[in-house]
Amino acid sequence: MGNHGQVTPGTYHHGHHWKNAHEEFEGAKQGMWVFLVTEVLMVGALFVGYIIFRAMYPEAFHEAHKLLNPKLGLLNTFVLITSSWTMVLGVSSIQRGQVSRCLAYLMTTVGFGFVFLIVKYFEYSHKIHEGILPGGLYTYKELAMDKVPLFFSLYFMMTGVHAFHVILGMGLITWVMLRVKRGEVSKQFFTPVELVGFYWHFVDLVWIFLFPLLYLLG
């Protein structure tokens, strides 16, 4: 990530309550970290809940995780890790004043987000077709163990919340791209791109923990 200390104080910034661009960035960054802490608390509660139930019903969770497709999970892991790299390149490009490159990298990042969601769509569709659903909706007869529906309740909740955050991140990146096109974001003022980058990396990091927990460690 870049350093706003490289920007000459007062060159360009938004918000009359800030003295200069550097002060604005530091304030906005602190606000983003506070927001991400609240996100960690929410996601962390889901992780803790899953770990507790997995410890209570290890056999059911072990058998249930075999119904997941680790190849699709690994594919999506690769997709999101690559998207983090293109996001970094997008931030780096706008810091250098390379507007066209920045837009190209941000658009590529959104494209990777779409790929991730398409893979999840096929994964969800297969489970819905087979009756591998949460709670009382579970009708898959080849694995009728007690507490297996609980596993899939947690699976759909955790991956669904994550997918929602991916969609939100894609929307934020698109918003940033529009601001870049309008000239509202540049190498003198790149706070929005950098902060959205923080958010996108957080979303990717959550998946890096979700993938082994659900797909590999059952």
Foldseek 3Di string as FASTA:
>chain_A
DDQLVVFDFAPDDDDPVDRGQNRVLVVVVVVLVVVVVVVCVVLVVLVVVLVVVCVVPVVLLVVLLVPADLVLLVVLLVLLVVLLVLLVQLLVCQLVFNLVSNLVSLVVSLVSLVVSVVSVVVRVVVCVVQQLAADPSRDNPVRDDPCSNVLRVSVCVSVVVLNVLSVVLSVLSVVLNVCSVVVVGGSNHPSSSVSSSVSSVSSSVSSVVVSCVRNPPD
